[in-house]
Amino acid sequence: MYQAWEEVWSWDNEGSYVFKHKELYYMAYSGNSFESPFYGVGCATATDIIGKWTKYDENLILQNPGAFAGCRV
């Protein structure tokens, strides 16, 4: 299920990273295209790594500040 901020551009979710703290799994992921001004990071949690994931109600936890698009080195 996409959240409103994820549907603005291209509906891409990518770059997920999962870690466990105590008894809860956390997943950070990037939403939207890296070319989008709406590109950002969301978070979801689960009690079982292959179980149901619940997206954080306060997503978007990090967002492109609008000064750049994508990754530049």
PDB file of N, CA and C in Angstrom:
ATOM      1  N   MET A   1       0.848  -1.172   0.000  1.00  0.00           N
ATOM      2  CA  MET A   1       0.000   0.000   0.000  1.00  0.00           C
ATOM      3  C   MET A   1       0.897   1.239   0.000  1.00  0.00           C
ATOM      4  N   TYR A   2       0.708   2.071  -0.989  1.00  0.00           N
ATOM      5  CA  TYR A   2       1.471   3.314  -1.063  1.00  0.00           C
ATOM      6  C   TYR A   2       0.839   4.380  -0.187  1.00  0.00           C
ATOM      7  N   GLN A   3       1.681   5.219   0.408  1.00  0.00           N
ATOM      8  CA  GLN A   3       1.207   6.392   1.122  1.00  0.00           C
ATOM      9  C   GLN A   3       1.197   7.563   0.144  1.00  0.00           C
ATOM     10  N   ALA A   4       0.472   8.623   0.473  1.00  0.00           N
ATOM     11  CA  ALA A   4       0.294   9.750  -0.449  1.00  0.00           C
ATOM     12  C   ALA A   4       1.614  10.313  -0.960  1.00  0.00           C
ATOM     13  N   TRP A   5       2.624  10.434  -0.101  1.00  0.00           N
ATOM     14  CA  TRP A   5       3.903  11.017  -0.533  1.00  0.00           C
ATOM     15  C   TRP A   5       4.632  10.135  -1.527  1.00  0.00           C
ATOM     16  N   GLU A   6       4.327   8.838  -1.548  1.00  0.00           N
ATOM     17  CA  GLU A   6       4.986   7.906  -2.461  1.00  0.00           C
ATOM     18  C   GLU A   6       4.352   7.919  -3.855  1.00  0.00           C
ATOM     19  N   GLU A   7       3.167   8.459  -3.990  1.00  0.00           N
ATOM     20  CA  GLU A   7       2.419   8.411  -5.240  1.00  0.00           C
ATOM     21  C   GLU A   7       2.578   9.666  -6.093  1.00  0.00           C
ATOM     22  N   VAL A   8       3.356  10.611  -5.647  1.00  0.00           N
ATOM     23  CA  VAL A   8       3.454  11.899  -6.325  1.00  0.00           C
ATOM     24  C   VAL A   8       4.135  11.796  -7.681  1.00  0.00           C
ATOM     25  N   TRP A   9       5.152  10.981  -7.802  1.00  0.00           N
ATOM     26  CA  TRP A   9       5.989  10.983  -9.006  1.00  0.00           C
ATOM     27  C   TRP A   9       5.858   9.672  -9.776  1.00  0.00           C
ATOM     28  N   SER A  10       6.569   8.660  -9.363  1.00  0.00           N
ATOM     29  CA  SER A  10       6.613   7.444 -10.187  1.00  0.00           C
ATOM     30  C   SER A  10       6.286   6.159  -9.427  1.00  0.00           C
ATOM     31  N   TRP A  11       5.915   6.252  -8.193  1.00  0.00           N
ATOM     32  CA  TRP A  11       5.554   5.098  -7.371  1.00  0.00           C
ATOM     33  C   TRP A  11       6.701   4.118  -7.195  1.00  0.00           C
ATOM     34  N   ASP A  12       7.911   4.593  -7.201  1.00  0.00           N
ATOM     35  CA  ASP A  12       9.077   3.732  -6.986  1.00  0.00           C
ATOM     36  C   ASP A  12       9.389   3.630  -5.503  1.00  0.00           C
ATOM     37  N   ASN A  13       9.622   2.428  -5.028  1.00  0.00           N
ATOM     38  CA  ASN A  13      10.184   2.201  -3.701  1.00  0.00           C
ATOM     39  C   ASN A  13      11.445   1.386  -3.904  1.00  0.00           C
ATOM     40  N   GLU A  14      12.546   1.828  -3.314  1.00  0.00           N
ATOM     41  CA  GLU A  14      13.832   1.189  -3.587  1.00  0.00           C
ATOM     42  C   GLU A  14      14.751   1.314  -2.389  1.00  0.00           C
ATOM     43  N   GLY A  15      15.876   0.634  -2.479  1.00  0.00           N
ATOM     44  CA  GLY A  15      16.952   0.796  -1.507  1.00  0.00           C
ATOM     45  C   GLY A  15      16.574   0.448  -0.083  1.00  0.00           C
ATOM     46  N   SER A  16      15.781  -0.586   0.103  1.00  0.00           N
ATOM     47  CA  SER A  16      15.358  -0.923   1.469  1.00  0.00           C
ATOM     48  C   SER A  16      16.524  -1.460   2.298  1.00  0.00           C
ATOM     49  N   TYR A  17      16.456  -1.175   3.583  1.00  0.00           N
ATOM     50  CA  TYR A  17      17.455  -1.643   4.541  1.00  0.00           C
ATOM     51  C   TYR A  17      16.704  -2.097   5.778  1.00  0.00           C
ATOM     52  N   VAL A  18      16.904  -3.341   6.192  1.00  0.00           N
ATOM     53  CA  VAL A  18      16.193  -3.908   7.338  1.00  0.00           C
ATOM     54  C   VAL A  18      17.169  -4.173   8.473  1.00  0.00           C
ATOM     55  N   PHE A  19      16.744  -3.811   9.675  1.00  0.00           N
ATOM     56  CA  PHE A  19      17.524  -4.140  10.865  1.00  0.00           C
ATOM     57  C   PHE A  19      16.559  -4.482  11.992  1.00  0.00           C
ATOM     58  N   LYS A  20      17.075  -5.193  12.997  1.00  0.00           N
ATOM     59  CA  LYS A  20      16.256  -5.607  14.130  1.00  0.00           C
ATOM     60  C   LYS A  20      16.781  -4.944  15.386  1.00  0.00           C
ATOM     61  N   HIS A  21      15.857  -4.394  16.168  1.00  0.00           N
ATOM     62  CA  HIS A  21      16.182  -3.827  17.474  1.00  0.00           C
ATOM     63  C   HIS A  21      15.211  -4.431  18.475  1.00  0.00           C
ATOM     64  N   LYS A  22      15.773  -5.147  19.432  1.00  0.00           N
ATOM     65  CA  LYS A  22      14.975  -5.902  20.401  1.00  0.00           C
ATOM     66  C   LYS A  22      14.088  -6.871  19.637  1.00  0.00           C
ATOM     67  N   GLU A  23      12.781  -6.782  19.753  1.00  0.00           N
ATOM     68  CA  GLU A  23      11.885  -7.742  19.103  1.00  0.00           C
ATOM     69  C   GLU A  23      11.179  -7.166  17.883  1.00  0.00           C
ATOM     70  N   LEU A  24      11.648  -6.043  17.367  1.00  0.00           N
ATOM     71  CA  LEU A  24      10.968  -5.393  16.254  1.00  0.00           C
ATOM     72  C   LEU A  24      11.918  -5.205  15.074  1.00  0.00           C
ATOM     73  N   TYR A  25      11.437  -5.512  13.880  1.00  0.00           N
ATOM     74  CA  TYR A  25      12.194  -5.279  12.649  1.00  0.00           C
ATOM     75  C   TYR A  25      11.829  -3.903  12.110  1.00  0.00           C
ATOM     76  N   TYR A  26      12.815  -3.201  11.616  1.00  0.00           N
ATOM     77  CA  TYR A  26      12.634  -1.880  11.025  1.00  0.00           C
ATOM     78  C   TYR A  26      13.128  -1.917   9.586  1.00  0.00           C
ATOM     79  N   MET A  27      12.389  -1.278   8.703  1.00  0.00           N
ATOM     80  CA  MET A  27      12.822  -1.165   7.317  1.00  0.00           C
ATOM     81  C   MET A  27      12.784   0.302   6.909  1.00  0.00           C
ATOM     82  N   ALA A  28      13.921   0.801   6.463  1.00  0.00           N
ATOM     83  CA  ALA A  28      13.990   2.129   5.858  1.00  0.00           C
ATOM     84  C   ALA A  28      14.039   1.918   4.349  1.00  0.00           C
ATOM     85  N   TYR A  29      13.354   2.762   3.610  1.00  0.00           N
ATOM     86  CA  TYR A  29      13.322   2.623   2.155  1.00  0.00           C
ATOM     87  C   TYR A  29      13.173   3.996   1.513  1.00  0.00           C
ATOM     88  N   SER A  30      13.569   4.089   0.259  1.00  0.00           N
ATOM     89  CA  SER A  30      13.420   5.325  -0.500  1.00  0.00           C
ATOM     90  C   SER A  30      12.157   5.238  -1.336  1.00  0.00           C
ATOM     91  N   GLY A  31      11.403   6.315  -1.362  1.00  0.00           N
ATOM     92  CA  GLY A  31      10.181   6.372  -2.149  1.00  0.00           C
ATOM     93  C   GLY A  31      10.259   7.463  -3.200  1.00  0.00           C
ATOM     94  N   ASN A  32       9.588   7.237  -4.312  1.00  0.00           N
ATOM     95  CA  ASN A  32       9.610   8.107  -5.488  1.00  0.00           C
ATOM     96  C   ASN A  32      10.909   7.921  -6.251  1.00  0.00           C
ATOM     97  N   SER A  33      10.999   8.519  -7.394  1.00  0.00           N
ATOM     98  CA  SER A  33      12.208   8.449  -8.212  1.00  0.00           C
ATOM     99  C   SER A  33      13.277   9.378  -7.653  1.00  0.00           C
ATOM    100  N   PHE A  34      14.541   8.985  -7.774  1.00  0.00           N
ATOM    101  CA  PHE A  34      15.635   9.843  -7.304  1.00  0.00           C
ATOM    102  C   PHE A  34      15.664  11.163  -8.067  1.00  0.00           C
ATOM    103  N   GLU A  35      15.013  11.229  -9.212  1.00  0.00           N
ATOM    104  CA  GLU A  35      14.953  12.458 -10.003  1.00  0.00           C
ATOM    105  C   GLU A  35      13.857  13.399  -9.521  1.00  0.00           C
ATOM    106  N   SER A  36      13.024  12.920  -8.632  1.00  0.00           N
ATOM    107  CA  SER A  36      11.855  13.669  -8.185  1.00  0.00           C
ATOM    108  C   SER A  36      12.170  14.611  -7.031  1.00  0.00           C
ATOM    109  N   PRO A  37      11.552  15.777  -6.999  1.00  0.00           N
ATOM    110  CA  PRO A  37      11.690  16.646  -5.831  1.00  0.00           C
ATOM    111  C   PRO A  37      10.972  16.073  -4.603  1.00  0.00           C
ATOM    112  N   PHE A  38      10.194  15.018  -4.802  1.00  0.00           N
ATOM    113  CA  PHE A  38       9.458  14.377  -3.710  1.00  0.00           C
ATOM    114  C   PHE A  38      10.161  13.131  -3.186  1.00  0.00           C
ATOM    115  N   TYR A  39      11.367  12.862  -3.672  1.00  0.00           N
ATOM    116  CA  TYR A  39      12.154  11.701  -3.240  1.00  0.00           C
ATOM    117  C   TYR A  39      12.425  11.794  -1.744  1.00  0.00           C
ATOM    118  N   GLY A  40      12.265  10.695  -1.028  1.00  0.00           N
ATOM    119  CA  GLY A  40      12.512  10.724   0.402  1.00  0.00           C
ATOM    120  C   GLY A  40      12.599   9.333   1.000  1.00  0.00           C
ATOM    121  N   VAL A  41      12.729   9.284   2.315  1.00  0.00           N
ATOM    122  CA  VAL A  41      12.898   8.036   3.051  1.00  0.00           C
ATOM    123  C   VAL A  41      11.689   7.794   3.942  1.00  0.00           C
ATOM    124  N   GLY A  42      11.176   6.572   3.869  1.00  0.00           N
ATOM    125  CA  GLY A  42      10.092   6.148   4.726  1.00  0.00           C
ATOM    126  C   GLY A  42      10.558   5.018   5.631  1.00  0.00           C
ATOM    127  N   CYS A  43       9.711   4.648   6.593  1.00  0.00           N
ATOM    128  CA  CYS A  43      10.050   3.603   7.549  1.00  0.00           C
ATOM    129  C   CYS A  43       8.829   2.712   7.766  1.00  0.00           C
ATOM    130  N   ALA A  44       9.096   1.420   7.955  1.00  0.00           N
ATOM    131  CA  ALA A  44       8.041   0.458   8.270  1.00  0.00           C
ATOM    132  C   ALA A  44       8.560  -0.492   9.344  1.00  0.00           C
ATOM    133  N   THR A  45       7.649  -1.120  10.081  1.00  0.00           N
ATOM    134  CA  THR A  45       8.032  -2.050  11.144  1.00  0.00           C
ATOM    135  C   THR A  45       7.249  -3.358  11.004  1.00  0.00           C
ATOM    136  N   ALA A  46       7.836  -4.418  11.578  1.00  0.00           N
ATOM    137  CA  ALA A  46       7.181  -5.732  11.601  1.00  0.00           C
ATOM    138  C   ALA A  46       7.706  -6.519  12.796  1.00  0.00           C
ATOM    139  N   THR A  47       6.889  -7.414  13.305  1.00  0.00           N
ATOM    140  CA  THR A  47       7.334  -8.287  14.394  1.00  0.00           C
ATOM    141  C   THR A  47       7.956  -9.569  13.861  1.00  0.00           C
ATOM    142  N   ASP A  48       7.713  -9.867  12.585  1.00  0.00           N
ATOM    143  CA  ASP A  48       8.271 -11.042  11.911  1.00  0.00           C
ATOM    144  C   ASP A  48       8.799 -10.579  10.557  1.00  0.00           C
ATOM    145  N   ILE A  49      10.022 -10.943  10.224  1.00  0.00           N
ATOM    146  CA  ILE A  49      10.633 -10.431   8.996  1.00  0.00           C
ATOM    147  C   ILE A  49       9.857 -10.816   7.739  1.00  0.00           C
ATOM    148  N   ILE A  50       9.142 -11.931   7.763  1.00  0.00           N
ATOM    149  CA  ILE A  50       8.326 -12.302   6.607  1.00  0.00           C
ATOM    150  C   ILE A  50       6.846 -12.048   6.857  1.00  0.00           C
ATOM    151  N   GLY A  51       6.547 -11.345   7.920  1.00  0.00           N
ATOM    152  CA  GLY A  51       5.167 -11.041   8.265  1.00  0.00           C
ATOM    153  C   GLY A  51       4.681  -9.751   7.642  1.00  0.00           C
ATOM    154  N   LYS A  52       3.616  -9.209   8.190  1.00  0.00           N
ATOM    155  CA  LYS A  52       3.020  -7.970   7.693  1.00  0.00           C
ATOM    156  C   LYS A  52       3.837  -6.768   8.170  1.00  0.00           C
ATOM    157  N   TRP A  53       4.192  -5.886   7.243  1.00  0.00           N
ATOM    158  CA  TRP A  53       4.915  -4.657   7.561  1.00  0.00           C
ATOM    159  C   TRP A  53       3.915  -3.514   7.679  1.00  0.00           C
ATOM    160  N   THR A  54       4.121  -2.667   8.684  1.00  0.00           N
ATOM    161  CA  THR A  54       3.272  -1.507   8.896  1.00  0.00           C
ATOM    162  C   THR A  54       4.094  -0.249   8.678  1.00  0.00           C
ATOM    163  N   LYS A  55       3.645   0.586   7.754  1.00  0.00           N
ATOM    164  CA  LYS A  55       4.365   1.829   7.488  1.00  0.00           C
ATOM    165  C   LYS A  55       4.105   2.828   8.609  1.00  0.00           C
ATOM    166  N   TYR A  56       5.144   3.573   8.936  1.00  0.00           N
ATOM    167  CA  TYR A  56       5.098   4.594   9.974  1.00  0.00           C
ATOM    168  C   TYR A  56       4.112   5.687   9.565  1.00  0.00           C
ATOM    169  N   ASP A  57       3.195   6.050  10.466  1.00  0.00           N
ATOM    170  CA  ASP A  57       2.186   7.066  10.163  1.00  0.00           C
ATOM    171  C   ASP A  57       2.791   8.431   9.853  1.00  0.00           C
ATOM    172  N   GLU A  58       3.958   8.699  10.411  1.00  0.00           N
ATOM    173  CA  GLU A  58       4.591  10.012  10.238  1.00  0.00           C
ATOM    174  C   GLU A  58       5.574  10.053   9.069  1.00  0.00           C
ATOM    175  N   ASN A  59       5.528   9.051   8.159  1.00  0.00           N
ATOM    176  CA  ASN A  59       6.377   9.112   6.963  1.00  0.00           C
ATOM    177  C   ASN A  59       6.046  10.396   6.231  1.00  0.00           C
ATOM    178  N   LEU A  60       6.876  10.967   5.800  1.00  0.00           N
ATOM    179  CA  LEU A  60       8.189  10.884   5.257  1.00  0.00           C
ATOM    180  C   LEU A  60       9.185  11.347   6.318  1.00  0.00           C
ATOM    181  N   ILE A  61      10.173  10.501   6.663  1.00  0.00           N
ATOM    182  CA  ILE A  61      11.081  10.862   7.751  1.00  0.00           C
ATOM    183  C   ILE A  61      12.262  11.696   7.286  1.00  0.00           C
ATOM    184  N   LEU A  62      12.650  11.574   6.020  1.00  0.00           N
ATOM    185  CA  LEU A  62      13.672  12.431   5.400  1.00  0.00           C
ATOM    186  C   LEU A  62      13.186  12.764   3.999  1.00  0.00           C
ATOM    187  N   GLN A  63      13.457  13.996   3.553  1.00  0.00           N
ATOM    188  CA  GLN A  63      12.997  14.372   2.220  1.00  0.00           C
ATOM    189  C   GLN A  63      14.031  15.228   1.512  1.00  0.00           C
ATOM    190  N   ASN A  64      14.047  15.091   0.189  1.00  0.00           N
ATOM    191  CA  ASN A  64      14.871  15.935  -0.657  1.00  0.00           C
ATOM    192  C   ASN A  64      14.538  17.395  -0.345  1.00  0.00           C
ATOM    193  N   PRO A  65      15.535  18.216  -0.019  1.00  0.00           N
ATOM    194  CA  PRO A  65      15.263  19.616   0.327  1.00  0.00           C
ATOM    195  C   PRO A  65      14.899  20.475  -0.873  1.00  0.00           C
ATOM    196  N   GLY A  66      14.883  19.890  -2.067  1.00  0.00           N
ATOM    197  CA  GLY A  66      14.507  20.635  -3.253  1.00  0.00           C
ATOM    198  C   GLY A  66      15.678  21.286  -3.966  1.00  0.00           C
ATOM    199  N   ALA A  67      16.850  21.248  -3.370  1.00  0.00           N
ATOM    200  CA  ALA A  67      18.016  21.889  -3.963  1.00  0.00           C
ATOM    201  C   ALA A  67      18.762  20.967  -4.913  1.00  0.00           C
ATOM    202  N   PHE A  68      18.422  19.698  -4.912  1.00  0.00           N
ATOM    203  CA  PHE A  68      19.117  18.750  -5.786  1.00  0.00           C
ATOM    204  C   PHE A  68      18.173  17.624  -6.160  1.00  0.00           C
ATOM    205  N   ALA A  69      18.530  16.894  -7.175  1.00  0.00           N
ATOM    206  CA  ALA A  69      17.789  15.693  -7.561  1.00  0.00           C
ATOM    207  C   ALA A  69      18.795  14.587  -7.798  1.00  0.00           C
ATOM    208  N   GLY A  70      18.591  13.461  -7.164  1.00  0.00           N
ATOM    209  CA  GLY A  70      19.488  12.334  -7.346  1.00  0.00           C
ATOM    210  C   GLY A  70      20.772  12.473  -6.567  1.00  0.00           C
ATOM    211  N   CYS A  71      21.737  11.682  -6.947  1.00  0.00           N
ATOM    212  CA  CYS A  71      23.024  11.644  -6.252  1.00  0.00           C
ATOM    213  C   CYS A  71      24.095  12.257  -7.132  1.00  0.00           C
ATOM    214  N   ARG A  72      24.791  13.205  -6.591  1.00  0.00           N
ATOM    215  CA  ARG A  72      25.878  13.826  -7.343  1.00  0.00           C
ATOM    216  C   ARG A  72      27.161  13.695  -6.555  1.00  0.00           C
ATOM    217  N   VAL A  73      28.229  13.332  -7.247  1.00  0.00           N
ATOM    218  CA  VAL A  73      29.533  13.178  -6.602  1.00  0.00           C
ATOM    219  C   VAL A  73      30.470  14.239  -7.123  1.00  0.00           C
TER     220      VAL A  73
END
